PDB file of N, CA and C in Angstrom:
ATOM      1  N   UNK A   1     -19.257  38.685 -13.923  1.00  0.00           N
ATOM      2  CA  UNK A   1     -19.514  39.287 -12.446  1.00  0.00           C
ATOM      3  C   UNK A   1     -20.166  39.800 -11.893  1.00  0.00           C
ATOM      4  N   UNK A   2     -20.873  40.477 -12.566  1.00  0.00           N
ATOM      5  CA  UNK A   2     -21.958  41.649 -12.085  1.00  0.00           C
ATOM      6  C   UNK A   2     -23.191  40.292 -11.640  1.00  0.00           C
ATOM      7  N   UNK A   3     -23.215  39.887 -13.207  1.00  0.00           N
ATOM      8  CA  UNK A   3     -24.333  38.888 -12.919  1.00  0.00           C
ATOM      9  C   UNK A   3     -24.196  37.683 -11.797  1.00  0.00           C
ATOM     10  N   UNK A   4     -23.147  37.487 -11.104  1.00  0.00           N
ATOM     11  CA  UNK A   4     -23.098  36.614  -9.943  1.00  0.00           C
ATOM     12  C   UNK A   4     -23.123  37.361  -8.747  1.00  0.00           C
ATOM     13  N   UNK A   5     -22.536  38.745  -8.592  1.00  0.00           N
ATOM     14  CA  UNK A   5     -22.339  39.081  -7.834  1.00  0.00           C
ATOM     15  C   UNK A   5     -22.962  40.180  -7.305  1.00  0.00           C
ATOM     16  N   UNK A   6     -23.908  40.721  -8.468  1.00  0.00           N
ATOM     17  CA  UNK A   6     -24.769  42.024  -8.140  1.00  0.00           C
ATOM     18  C   UNK A   6     -24.099  43.356  -8.812  1.00  0.00           C
ATOM     19  N   UNK A   7     -24.728  44.271  -8.982  1.00  0.00           N
ATOM     20  CA  UNK A   7     -24.581  45.596 -10.411  1.00  0.00           C
ATOM     21  C   UNK A   7     -23.278  45.966  -9.667  1.00  0.00           C
ATOM     22  N   UNK A   8     -23.005  46.065  -8.079  1.00  0.00           N
ATOM     23  CA  UNK A   8     -22.381  46.968  -7.300  1.00  0.00           C
ATOM     24  C   UNK A   8     -20.816  46.563  -7.785  1.00  0.00           C
ATOM     25  N   UNK A   9     -20.962  45.295  -8.163  1.00  0.00           N
ATOM     26  CA  UNK A   9     -19.505  44.266  -8.067  1.00  0.00           C
ATOM     27  C   UNK A   9     -18.576  44.793  -8.654  1.00  0.00           C
ATOM     28  N   UNK A  10     -17.187  45.031  -8.357  1.00  0.00           N
ATOM     29  CA  UNK A  10     -15.949  45.435  -9.350  1.00  0.00           C
ATOM     30  C   UNK A  10     -14.764  44.383  -8.852  1.00  0.00           C
ATOM     31  N   UNK A  11     -13.770  44.657  -9.903  1.00  0.00           N
ATOM     32  CA  UNK A  11     -12.640  43.768 -10.098  1.00  0.00           C
ATOM     33  C   UNK A  11     -12.184  44.258  -8.524  1.00  0.00           C
ATOM     34  N   UNK A  12     -11.276  43.677  -8.347  1.00  0.00           N
ATOM     35  CA  UNK A  12     -10.729  43.888  -7.578  1.00  0.00           C
ATOM     36  C   UNK A  12      -8.759  43.435  -7.631  1.00  0.00           C
ATOM     37  N   UNK A  13      -7.707  44.176  -7.115  1.00  0.00           N
ATOM     38  CA  UNK A  13      -6.482  43.947  -7.022  1.00  0.00           C
ATOM     39  C   UNK A  13      -6.008  42.365  -6.765  1.00  0.00           C
ATOM     40  N   UNK A  14      -7.059  41.867  -5.913  1.00  0.00           N
ATOM     41  CA  UNK A  14      -7.120  39.872  -5.644  1.00  0.00           C
ATOM     42  C   UNK A  14      -7.463  39.323  -7.025  1.00  0.00           C
ATOM     43  N   UNK A  15      -8.478  40.106  -7.545  1.00  0.00           N
ATOM     44  CA  UNK A  15      -8.930  39.466  -8.672  1.00  0.00           C
ATOM     45  C   UNK A  15      -7.791  38.956  -9.991  1.00  0.00           C
ATOM     46  N   UNK A  16      -6.698  39.387  -9.887  1.00  0.00           N
ATOM     47  CA  UNK A  16      -5.764  39.493 -10.589  1.00  0.00           C
ATOM     48  C   UNK A  16      -4.222  39.354 -10.420  1.00  0.00           C
ATOM     49  N   UNK A  17      -4.450  38.335  -8.882  1.00  0.00           N
ATOM     50  CA  UNK A  17      -3.192  38.199  -8.411  1.00  0.00           C
ATOM     51  C   UNK A  17      -2.758  36.653  -9.222  1.00  0.00           C
ATOM     52  N   UNK A  18      -1.504  36.512  -8.824  1.00  0.00           N
ATOM     53  CA  UNK A  18      -1.386  35.363  -9.869  1.00  0.00           C
ATOM     54  C   UNK A  18      -1.801  34.067  -9.158  1.00  0.00           C
ATOM     55  N   UNK A  19      -1.385  33.166  -9.992  1.00  0.00           N
ATOM     56  CA  UNK A  19      -1.677  31.694  -9.261  1.00  0.00           C
ATOM     57  C   UNK A  19      -0.841  30.949  -9.439  1.00  0.00           C
ATOM     58  N   UNK A  20      -0.449  29.811  -8.494  1.00  0.00           N
ATOM     59  CA  UNK A  20       0.873  29.212  -8.629  1.00  0.00           C
ATOM     60  C   UNK A  20       0.359  27.988  -9.416  1.00  0.00           C
ATOM     61  N   UNK A  21       1.094  27.704  -9.995  1.00  0.00           N
ATOM     62  CA  UNK A  21       1.070  26.145 -10.941  1.00  0.00           C
ATOM     63  C   UNK A  21       0.404  24.959  -9.941  1.00  0.00           C
ATOM     64  N   UNK A  22       0.970  24.846  -8.900  1.00  0.00           N
ATOM     65  CA  UNK A  22       0.321  23.932  -7.810  1.00  0.00           C
ATOM     66  C   UNK A  22      -1.517  24.298  -7.560  1.00  0.00           C
ATOM     67  N   UNK A  23      -1.727  25.620  -7.603  1.00  0.00           N
ATOM     68  CA  UNK A  23      -3.040  25.616  -7.248  1.00  0.00           C
ATOM     69  C   UNK A  23      -3.721  25.800  -8.636  1.00  0.00           C
ATOM     70  N   UNK A  24      -3.466  25.671  -9.686  1.00  0.00           N
ATOM     71  CA  UNK A  24      -3.749  25.049 -11.518  1.00  0.00           C
ATOM     72  C   UNK A  24      -3.649  23.937 -11.411  1.00  0.00           C
ATOM     73  N   UNK A  25      -2.950  23.140 -10.863  1.00  0.00           N
ATOM     74  CA  UNK A  25      -3.428  21.372 -11.157  1.00  0.00           C
ATOM     75  C   UNK A  25      -4.409  21.176 -10.031  1.00  0.00           C
ATOM     76  N   UNK A  26      -4.077  21.689  -8.887  1.00  0.00           N
ATOM     77  CA  UNK A  26      -5.381  21.290  -7.868  1.00  0.00           C
ATOM     78  C   UNK A  26      -6.496  21.459  -8.745  1.00  0.00           C
ATOM     79  N   UNK A  27      -6.973  22.785  -9.046  1.00  0.00           N
ATOM     80  CA  UNK A  27      -7.822  23.077  -9.623  1.00  0.00           C
ATOM     81  C   UNK A  27      -8.602  21.876 -10.878  1.00  0.00           C
ATOM     82  N   UNK A  28      -7.574  22.026 -11.548  1.00  0.00           N
ATOM     83  CA  UNK A  28      -7.847  20.788 -12.542  1.00  0.00           C
ATOM     84  C   UNK A  28      -8.299  19.637 -12.171  1.00  0.00           C
ATOM     85  N   UNK A  29      -7.700  19.129 -11.219  1.00  0.00           N
ATOM     86  CA  UNK A  29      -7.963  17.843 -10.380  1.00  0.00           C
ATOM     87  C   UNK A  29      -9.193  17.626 -10.035  1.00  0.00           C
ATOM     88  N   UNK A  30      -9.376  18.927  -9.297  1.00  0.00           N
ATOM     89  CA  UNK A  30     -10.732  19.199  -8.742  1.00  0.00           C
ATOM     90  C   UNK A  30     -11.720  19.058  -9.640  1.00  0.00           C
ATOM     91  N   UNK A  31     -11.622  19.361 -10.663  1.00  0.00           N
ATOM     92  CA  UNK A  31     -12.769  19.660 -11.745  1.00  0.00           C
ATOM     93  C   UNK A  31     -12.855  17.811 -12.170  1.00  0.00           C
ATOM     94  N   UNK A  32     -11.803  17.208 -12.534  1.00  0.00           N
ATOM     95  CA  UNK A  32     -12.080  15.933 -12.557  1.00  0.00           C
ATOM     96  C   UNK A  32     -12.801  14.809 -11.429  1.00  0.00           C
ATOM     97  N   UNK A  33     -12.416  15.174 -10.488  1.00  0.00           N
ATOM     98  CA  UNK A  33     -12.870  14.708  -9.149  1.00  0.00           C
ATOM     99  C   UNK A  33     -14.493  15.259  -8.845  1.00  0.00           C
ATOM    100  N   UNK A  34     -14.769  16.335  -9.214  1.00  0.00           N
ATOM    101  CA  UNK A  34     -16.522  16.534  -9.241  1.00  0.00           C
ATOM    102  C   UNK A  34     -17.233  15.536 -10.416  1.00  0.00           C
ATOM    103  N   UNK A  35     -16.655  15.739 -11.283  1.00  0.00           N
ATOM    104  CA  UNK A  35     -16.669  14.683 -12.479  1.00  0.00           C
ATOM    105  C   UNK A  35     -17.581  13.358 -12.029  1.00  0.00           C
ATOM    106  N   UNK A  36     -16.409  12.703 -11.719  1.00  0.00           N
ATOM    107  CA  UNK A  36     -16.347  11.437 -11.110  1.00  0.00           C
ATOM    108  C   UNK A  36     -17.503  11.350 -10.087  1.00  0.00           C
ATOM    109  N   UNK A  37     -17.497  12.245  -8.609  1.00  0.00           N
ATOM    110  CA  UNK A  37     -18.563  12.063  -7.795  1.00  0.00           C
ATOM    111  C   UNK A  37     -19.797  12.200  -8.609  1.00  0.00           C
ATOM    112  N   UNK A  38     -20.187  13.597  -9.284  1.00  0.00           N
ATOM    113  CA  UNK A  38     -21.490  13.259 -10.215  1.00  0.00           C
ATOM    114  C   UNK A  38     -21.867  11.987 -10.635  1.00  0.00           C
ATOM    115  N   UNK A  39     -21.052  11.679 -10.997  1.00  0.00           N
ATOM    116  CA  UNK A  39     -21.256  10.078 -12.347  1.00  0.00           C
ATOM    117  C   UNK A  39     -21.286   8.501 -10.765  1.00  0.00           C
ATOM    118  N   UNK A  40     -21.359   9.427 -10.221  1.00  0.00           N
ATOM    119  CA  UNK A  40     -21.455   8.157  -8.969  1.00  0.00           C
ATOM    120  C   UNK A  40     -20.201   7.370  -8.486  1.00  0.00           C
ATOM    121  N   UNK A  41     -18.917   7.599  -9.280  1.00  0.00           N
ATOM    122  CA  UNK A  41     -17.710   6.900  -9.695  1.00  0.00           C
ATOM    123  C   UNK A  41     -16.494   7.739  -8.206  1.00  0.00           C
ATOM    124  N   UNK A  42     -17.204   6.810  -7.041  1.00  0.00           N
ATOM    125  CA  UNK A  42     -15.988   7.342  -5.583  1.00  0.00           C
ATOM    126  C   UNK A  42     -15.163   6.962  -5.810  1.00  0.00           C
ATOM    127  N   UNK A  43     -14.270   5.430  -6.571  1.00  0.00           N
ATOM    128  CA  UNK A  43     -13.471   5.213  -6.272  1.00  0.00           C
ATOM    129  C   UNK A  43     -12.530   6.130  -7.365  1.00  0.00           C
ATOM    130  N   UNK A  44     -12.720   6.372  -8.494  1.00  0.00           N
ATOM    131  CA  UNK A  44     -12.637   6.923  -9.256  1.00  0.00           C
ATOM    132  C   UNK A  44     -12.262   8.799  -8.905  1.00  0.00           C
ATOM    133  N   UNK A  45     -12.923   9.290  -8.090  1.00  0.00           N
ATOM    134  CA  UNK A  45     -12.899  10.467  -7.103  1.00  0.00           C
ATOM    135  C   UNK A  45     -11.802  10.108  -6.362  1.00  0.00           C
ATOM    136  N   UNK A  46     -11.884   8.851  -5.353  1.00  0.00           N
ATOM    137  CA  UNK A  46     -10.639   8.775  -4.507  1.00  0.00           C
ATOM    138  C   UNK A  46      -9.635   8.844  -4.734  1.00  0.00           C
ATOM    139  N   UNK A  47      -9.372   8.305  -6.337  1.00  0.00           N
ATOM    140  CA  UNK A  47      -7.579   8.225  -6.954  1.00  0.00           C
ATOM    141  C   UNK A  47      -7.153   9.458  -7.206  1.00  0.00           C
ATOM    142  N   UNK A  48      -8.337  10.604  -7.713  1.00  0.00           N
ATOM    143  CA  UNK A  48      -8.356  12.235  -7.970  1.00  0.00           C
ATOM    144  C   UNK A  48      -7.293  12.557  -7.245  1.00  0.00           C
ATOM    145  N   UNK A  49      -8.180  12.112  -5.719  1.00  0.00           N
ATOM    146  CA  UNK A  49      -8.088  12.978  -4.448  1.00  0.00           C
ATOM    147  C   UNK A  49      -6.476  12.571  -4.293  1.00  0.00           C
ATOM    148  N   UNK A  50      -6.507  11.265  -4.691  1.00  0.00           N
ATOM    149  CA  UNK A  50      -5.051  10.552  -4.227  1.00  0.00           C
ATOM    150  C   UNK A  50      -3.869  11.984  -4.923  1.00  0.00           C
ATOM    151  N   UNK A  51      -4.184  11.814  -6.023  1.00  0.00           N
ATOM    152  CA  UNK A  51      -3.254  12.745  -6.695  1.00  0.00           C
ATOM    153  C   UNK A  51      -3.218  14.243  -6.218  1.00  0.00           C
ATOM    154  N   UNK A  52      -4.286  14.702  -6.126  1.00  0.00           N
ATOM    155  CA  UNK A  52      -4.222  16.252  -5.462  1.00  0.00           C
ATOM    156  C   UNK A  52      -3.660  16.396  -3.911  1.00  0.00           C
ATOM    157  N   UNK A  53      -3.911  15.297  -2.985  1.00  0.00           N
ATOM    158  CA  UNK A  53      -2.844  15.323  -1.875  1.00  0.00           C
ATOM    159  C   UNK A  53      -1.436  15.178  -2.445  1.00  0.00           C
ATOM    160  N   UNK A  54      -0.933  14.018  -3.479  1.00  0.00           N
ATOM    161  CA  UNK A  54       0.821  14.780  -3.310  1.00  0.00           C
ATOM    162  C   UNK A  54       0.926  15.997  -4.496  1.00  0.00           C
ATOM    163  N   UNK A  55       0.105  16.420  -5.239  1.00  0.00           N
ATOM    164  CA  UNK A  55       0.256  17.778  -5.402  1.00  0.00           C
ATOM    165  C   UNK A  55       0.117  18.568  -4.344  1.00  0.00           C
ATOM    166  N   UNK A  56      -0.498  19.087  -3.555  1.00  0.00           N
ATOM    167  CA  UNK A  56      -0.421  19.855  -2.287  1.00  0.00           C
ATOM    168  C   UNK A  56      -1.090  19.208  -0.668  1.00  0.00           C
ATOM    169  N   UNK A  57       0.223  18.510  -0.081  1.00  0.00           N
ATOM    170  CA  UNK A  57      -0.330  17.399   0.974  1.00  0.00           C
ATOM    171  C   UNK A  57      -0.946  18.294   1.749  1.00  0.00           C
ATOM    172  N   UNK A  58      -0.520  19.707   2.121  1.00  0.00           N
ATOM    173  CA  UNK A  58      -0.686  20.976   3.273  1.00  0.00           C
ATOM    174  C   UNK A  58      -1.895  21.281   3.272  1.00  0.00           C
ATOM    175  N   UNK A  59      -2.914  20.588   2.284  1.00  0.00           N
ATOM    176  CA  UNK A  59      -4.506  21.462   2.291  1.00  0.00           C
ATOM    177  C   UNK A  59      -5.184  20.301   3.076  1.00  0.00           C
ATOM    178  N   UNK A  60      -5.898  20.667   4.205  1.00  0.00           N
ATOM    179  CA  UNK A  60      -6.180  19.628   5.023  1.00  0.00           C
ATOM    180  C   UNK A  60      -7.882  19.430   4.411  1.00  0.00           C
ATOM    181  N   UNK A  61      -8.273  20.628   3.440  1.00  0.00           N
ATOM    182  CA  UNK A  61      -9.357  20.146   2.756  1.00  0.00           C
ATOM    183  C   UNK A  61      -9.423  18.691   2.018  1.00  0.00           C
ATOM    184  N   UNK A  62      -8.470  18.785   1.273  1.00  0.00           N
ATOM    185  CA  UNK A  62      -8.017  17.378   0.642  1.00  0.00           C
ATOM    186  C   UNK A  62      -8.468  16.285   1.260  1.00  0.00           C
ATOM    187  N   UNK A  63      -7.753  16.155   2.480  1.00  0.00           N
ATOM    188  CA  UNK A  63      -7.213  14.892   3.273  1.00  0.00           C
ATOM    189  C   UNK A  63      -8.588  14.693   3.946  1.00  0.00           C
ATOM    190  N   UNK A  64      -9.469  15.771   4.472  1.00  0.00           N
ATOM    191  CA  UNK A  64     -10.587  15.801   4.836  1.00  0.00           C
ATOM    192  C   UNK A  64     -11.914  14.758   3.631  1.00  0.00           C
ATOM    193  N   UNK A  65     -11.824  15.211   2.363  1.00  0.00           N
ATOM    194  CA  UNK A  65     -12.704  14.819   1.827  1.00  0.00           C
ATOM    195  C   UNK A  65     -11.915  13.439   1.167  1.00  0.00           C
ATOM    196  N   UNK A  66     -11.280  13.000   1.261  1.00  0.00           N
ATOM    197  CA  UNK A  66     -10.421  11.793   0.934  1.00  0.00           C
ATOM    198  C   UNK A  66     -11.059  10.719   2.053  1.00  0.00           C
ATOM    199  N   UNK A  67     -10.671  11.312   3.492  1.00  0.00           N
ATOM    200  CA  UNK A  67     -11.620  10.362   4.621  1.00  0.00           C
ATOM    201  C   UNK A  67     -12.887  10.000   4.240  1.00  0.00           C
ATOM    202  N   UNK A  68     -13.697  11.163   3.950  1.00  0.00           N
ATOM    203  CA  UNK A  68     -15.131  11.076   3.680  1.00  0.00           C
ATOM    204  C   UNK A  68     -15.498  10.329   3.047  1.00  0.00           C
ATOM    205  N   UNK A  69     -14.997  10.243   1.381  1.00  0.00           N
ATOM    206  CA  UNK A  69     -14.758   9.584   0.385  1.00  0.00           C
ATOM    207  C   UNK A  69     -14.683   8.098   0.652  1.00  0.00           C
ATOM    208  N   UNK A  70     -13.395   7.838   1.418  1.00  0.00           N
ATOM    209  CA  UNK A  70     -12.958   6.372   2.096  1.00  0.00           C
ATOM    210  C   UNK A  70     -14.351   5.287   2.809  1.00  0.00           C
ATOM    211  N   UNK A  71     -14.992   6.339   3.550  1.00  0.00           N
ATOM    212  CA  UNK A  71     -15.555   5.784   4.712  1.00  0.00           C
ATOM    213  C   UNK A  71     -17.230   5.671   3.409  1.00  0.00           C
ATOM    214  N   UNK A  72     -17.870   6.548   2.691  1.00  0.00           N
ATOM    215  CA  UNK A  72     -18.804   6.304   1.580  1.00  0.00           C
ATOM    216  C   UNK A  72     -18.313   5.082   1.284  1.00  0.00           C
ATOM    217  N   UNK A  73     -17.162   4.683   0.759  1.00  0.00           N
ATOM    218  CA  UNK A  73     -17.157   3.452  -0.185  1.00  0.00           C
ATOM    219  C   UNK A  73     -16.838   2.065   0.650  1.00  0.00           C
ATOM    220  N   UNK A  74     -17.358   2.558   2.107  1.00  0.00           N
ATOM    221  CA  UNK A  74     -17.123   1.365   3.099  1.00  0.00           C
ATOM    222  C   UNK A  74     -15.523   1.013   3.596  1.00  0.00           C
ATOM    223  N   UNK A  75     -14.326   1.731   3.448  1.00  0.00           N
ATOM    224  CA  UNK A  75     -13.323   1.231   3.672  1.00  0.00           C
ATOM    225  C   UNK A  75     -12.884   2.100   5.022  1.00  0.00           C
ATOM    226  N   UNK A  76     -13.538   1.844   5.837  1.00  0.00           N
ATOM    227  CA  UNK A  76     -13.312   2.488   7.262  1.00  0.00           C
ATOM    228  C   UNK A  76     -11.895   2.722   7.671  1.00  0.00           C
ATOM    229  N   UNK A  77     -10.719   1.524   7.442  1.00  0.00           N
ATOM    230  CA  UNK A  77      -9.742   1.584   7.969  1.00  0.00           C
ATOM    231  C   UNK A  77      -8.703   2.583   7.031  1.00  0.00           C
ATOM    232  N   UNK A  78      -9.240   2.203   5.916  1.00  0.00           N
ATOM    233  CA  UNK A  78      -8.354   3.280   5.009  1.00  0.00           C
ATOM    234  C   UNK A  78      -8.703   5.104   5.519  1.00  0.00           C
ATOM    235  N   UNK A  79      -9.784   5.020   5.321  1.00  0.00           N
ATOM    236  CA  UNK A  79     -10.378   6.537   6.302  1.00  0.00           C
ATOM    237  C   UNK A  79      -9.603   7.000   7.283  1.00  0.00           C
ATOM    238  N   UNK A  80      -9.629   5.969   8.529  1.00  0.00           N
ATOM    239  CA  UNK A  80      -9.015   5.780   9.691  1.00  0.00           C
ATOM    240  C   UNK A  80      -7.384   6.704   9.573  1.00  0.00           C
ATOM    241  N   UNK A  81      -6.854   5.564   8.551  1.00  0.00           N
ATOM    242  CA  UNK A  81      -5.192   5.856   8.378  1.00  0.00           C
ATOM    243  C   UNK A  81      -5.479   7.195   7.156  1.00  0.00           C
ATOM    244  N   UNK A  82      -6.027   7.529   6.956  1.00  0.00           N
ATOM    245  CA  UNK A  82      -5.663   8.745   6.005  1.00  0.00           C
ATOM    246  C   UNK A  82      -5.835   9.596   6.764  1.00  0.00           C
ATOM    247  N   UNK A  83      -6.460  10.099   7.914  1.00  0.00           N
ATOM    248  CA  UNK A  83      -6.967  11.037   8.822  1.00  0.00           C
ATOM    249  C   UNK A  83      -5.732  11.074   9.814  1.00  0.00           C
ATOM    250  N   UNK A  84      -5.167   9.661  10.608  1.00  0.00           N
ATOM    251  CA  UNK A  84      -4.237   9.748  11.222  1.00  0.00           C
ATOM    252  C   UNK A  84      -2.735  10.125  10.405  1.00  0.00           C
ATOM    253  N   UNK A  85      -2.733   9.975   9.016  1.00  0.00           N
ATOM    254  CA  UNK A  85      -1.561  10.166   8.571  1.00  0.00           C
ATOM    255  C   UNK A  85      -1.292  11.877   8.269  1.00  0.00           C
ATOM    256  N   UNK A  86      -2.995  12.559   8.187  1.00  0.00           N
ATOM    257  CA  UNK A  86      -2.428  14.113   8.100  1.00  0.00           C
ATOM    258  C   UNK A  86      -2.303  14.347   9.633  1.00  0.00           C
ATOM    259  N   UNK A  87      -3.314  13.810  10.568  1.00  0.00           N
ATOM    260  CA  UNK A  87      -2.811  14.948  11.931  1.00  0.00           C
ATOM    261  C   UNK A  87      -1.591  14.666  12.357  1.00  0.00           C
ATOM    262  N   UNK A  88      -1.436  13.208  12.300  1.00  0.00           N
ATOM    263  CA  UNK A  88       0.565  13.143  12.587  1.00  0.00           C
ATOM    264  C   UNK A  88       1.349  14.042  11.903  1.00  0.00           C
ATOM    265  N   UNK A  89       1.445  14.537  10.757  1.00  0.00           N
ATOM    266  CA  UNK A  89       2.068  15.004   9.500  1.00  0.00           C
ATOM    267  C   UNK A  89       1.737  16.312   9.531  1.00  0.00           C
ATOM    268  N   UNK A  90       0.825  17.007  10.032  1.00  0.00           N
ATOM    269  CA  UNK A  90       0.529  18.518   9.255  1.00  0.00           C
ATOM    270  C   UNK A  90       0.522  19.436  10.447  1.00  0.00           C
ATOM    271  N   UNK A  91       0.687  20.758  10.397  1.00  0.00           N
ATOM    272  CA  UNK A  91       1.002  21.843  11.163  1.00  0.00           C
ATOM    273  C   UNK A  91      -0.683  21.751  11.922  1.00  0.00           C
ATOM    274  N   UNK A  92      -0.853  22.697  12.876  1.00  0.00           N
ATOM    275  CA  UNK A  92      -2.146  22.967  13.167  1.00  0.00           C
ATOM    276  C   UNK A  92      -2.801  23.744  12.358  1.00  0.00           C
ATOM    277  N   UNK A  93      -4.193  23.139  12.343  1.00  0.00           N
ATOM    278  CA  UNK A  93      -4.577  24.131  11.314  1.00  0.00           C
ATOM    279  C   UNK A  93      -6.673  24.066  11.775  1.00  0.00           C
ATOM    280  N   UNK A  94      -7.184  25.092  11.235  1.00  0.00           N
ATOM    281  CA  UNK A  94      -8.510  25.575  11.953  1.00  0.00           C
ATOM    282  C   UNK A  94      -9.175  24.183  11.687  1.00  0.00           C
ATOM    283  N   UNK A  95      -9.185  23.193  11.077  1.00  0.00           N
ATOM    284  CA  UNK A  95      -9.759  22.100  11.032  1.00  0.00           C
ATOM    285  C   UNK A  95      -9.376  20.499  11.684  1.00  0.00           C
ATOM    286  N   UNK A  96      -8.282  21.101  12.214  1.00  0.00           N
ATOM    287  CA  UNK A  96      -7.754  20.015  13.130  1.00  0.00           C
ATOM    288  C   UNK A  96      -8.974  19.792  14.319  1.00  0.00           C
ATOM    289  N   UNK A  97      -9.309  20.146  15.375  1.00  0.00           N
ATOM    290  CA  UNK A  97     -10.482  19.553  15.800  1.00  0.00           C
ATOM    291  C   UNK A  97     -11.827  19.305  15.460  1.00  0.00           C
ATOM    292  N   UNK A  98     -12.124  19.496  14.618  1.00  0.00           N
ATOM    293  CA  UNK A  98     -13.221  18.819  13.675  1.00  0.00           C
ATOM    294  C   UNK A  98     -12.517  17.632  12.840  1.00  0.00           C
ATOM    295  N   UNK A  99     -11.504  17.427  12.610  1.00  0.00           N
ATOM    296  CA  UNK A  99     -10.618  15.971  12.208  1.00  0.00           C
ATOM    297  C   UNK A  99     -10.877  15.309  13.098  1.00  0.00           C
ATOM    298  N   UNK A 100     -10.137  15.472  14.003  1.00  0.00           N
ATOM    299  CA  UNK A 100      -9.739  14.667  15.289  1.00  0.00           C
ATOM    300  C   UNK A 100     -11.097  14.125  15.855  1.00  0.00           C
ATOM    301  N   UNK A 101     -12.326  14.954  15.785  1.00  0.00           N
ATOM    302  CA  UNK A 101     -13.023  14.543  16.014  1.00  0.00           C
ATOM    303  C   UNK A 101     -13.962  13.333  15.139  1.00  0.00           C
ATOM    304  N   UNK A 102     -13.693  13.513  14.166  1.00  0.00           N
ATOM    305  CA  UNK A 102     -13.937  12.461  12.892  1.00  0.00           C
ATOM    306  C   UNK A 102     -13.541  11.467  13.393  1.00  0.00           C
ATOM    307  N   UNK A 103     -12.030  11.594  13.532  1.00  0.00           N
ATOM    308  CA  UNK A 103     -11.256  10.636  13.746  1.00  0.00           C
ATOM    309  C   UNK A 103     -11.822   9.385  15.012  1.00  0.00           C
ATOM    310  N   UNK A 104     -12.048  10.057  15.866  1.00  0.00           N
ATOM    311  CA  UNK A 104     -12.965   9.421  17.370  1.00  0.00           C
ATOM    312  C   UNK A 104     -13.813   8.724  17.074  1.00  0.00           C
ATOM    313  N   UNK A 105     -14.936   9.417  16.107  1.00  0.00           N
ATOM    314  CA  UNK A 105     -15.921   8.958  15.844  1.00  0.00           C
ATOM    315  C   UNK A 105     -15.378   7.347  14.860  1.00  0.00           C
ATOM    316  N   UNK A 106     -14.559   7.902  13.937  1.00  0.00           N
ATOM    317  CA  UNK A 106     -14.602   6.453  13.026  1.00  0.00           C
ATOM    318  C   UNK A 106     -13.827   5.365  13.524  1.00  0.00           C
ATOM    319  N   UNK A 107     -13.427   5.710  14.710  1.00  0.00           N
ATOM    320  CA  UNK A 107     -12.447   4.591  15.396  1.00  0.00           C
ATOM    321  C   UNK A 107     -13.528   4.064  15.906  1.00  0.00           C
ATOM    322  N   UNK A 108     -14.288   4.706  16.694  1.00  0.00           N
ATOM    323  CA  UNK A 108     -16.005   3.773  16.976  1.00  0.00           C
ATOM    324  C   UNK A 108     -16.584   2.891  16.362  1.00  0.00           C
ATOM    325  N   UNK A 109     -16.543   3.178  15.524  1.00  0.00           N
ATOM    326  CA  UNK A 109     -17.497   2.204  13.958  1.00  0.00           C
ATOM    327  C   UNK A 109     -16.751   0.893  14.583  1.00  0.00           C
ATOM    328  N   UNK A 110     -15.444   1.395  14.782  1.00  0.00           N
ATOM    329  CA  UNK A 110     -14.722  -0.272  14.376  1.00  0.00           C
ATOM    330  C   UNK A 110     -14.481  -0.975  15.680  1.00  0.00           C
ATOM    331  N   UNK A 111     -15.397  -0.893  16.749  1.00  0.00           N
ATOM    332  CA  UNK A 111     -15.296  -1.383  17.935  1.00  0.00           C
ATOM    333  C   UNK A 111     -16.984  -2.229  17.943  1.00  0.00           C
TER     334      UNK A 111
END
């Protein structure tokens, strides 16, 4: 830890907090997604993100990343549908204005 955060870094109670099963599954899937992205296999990364969203549908960052990857592979309609589905179902969140702006931009590319 000191190698990463400096000589004054100390373990805190939060470092020992229990982690839920859902968080562990998302983290494992995130490792798979990272490998797929690094290998340039974006369709595989999207498949992994689909699983991640099923595990933790309330996490806006997963929907955001899924939207961006769909856009990168040229699936603009799917990117739009992904973002619409999340915004329709999700509680307001800190990323919502950014997501709504991206949705407007994506819709603009369809005209």
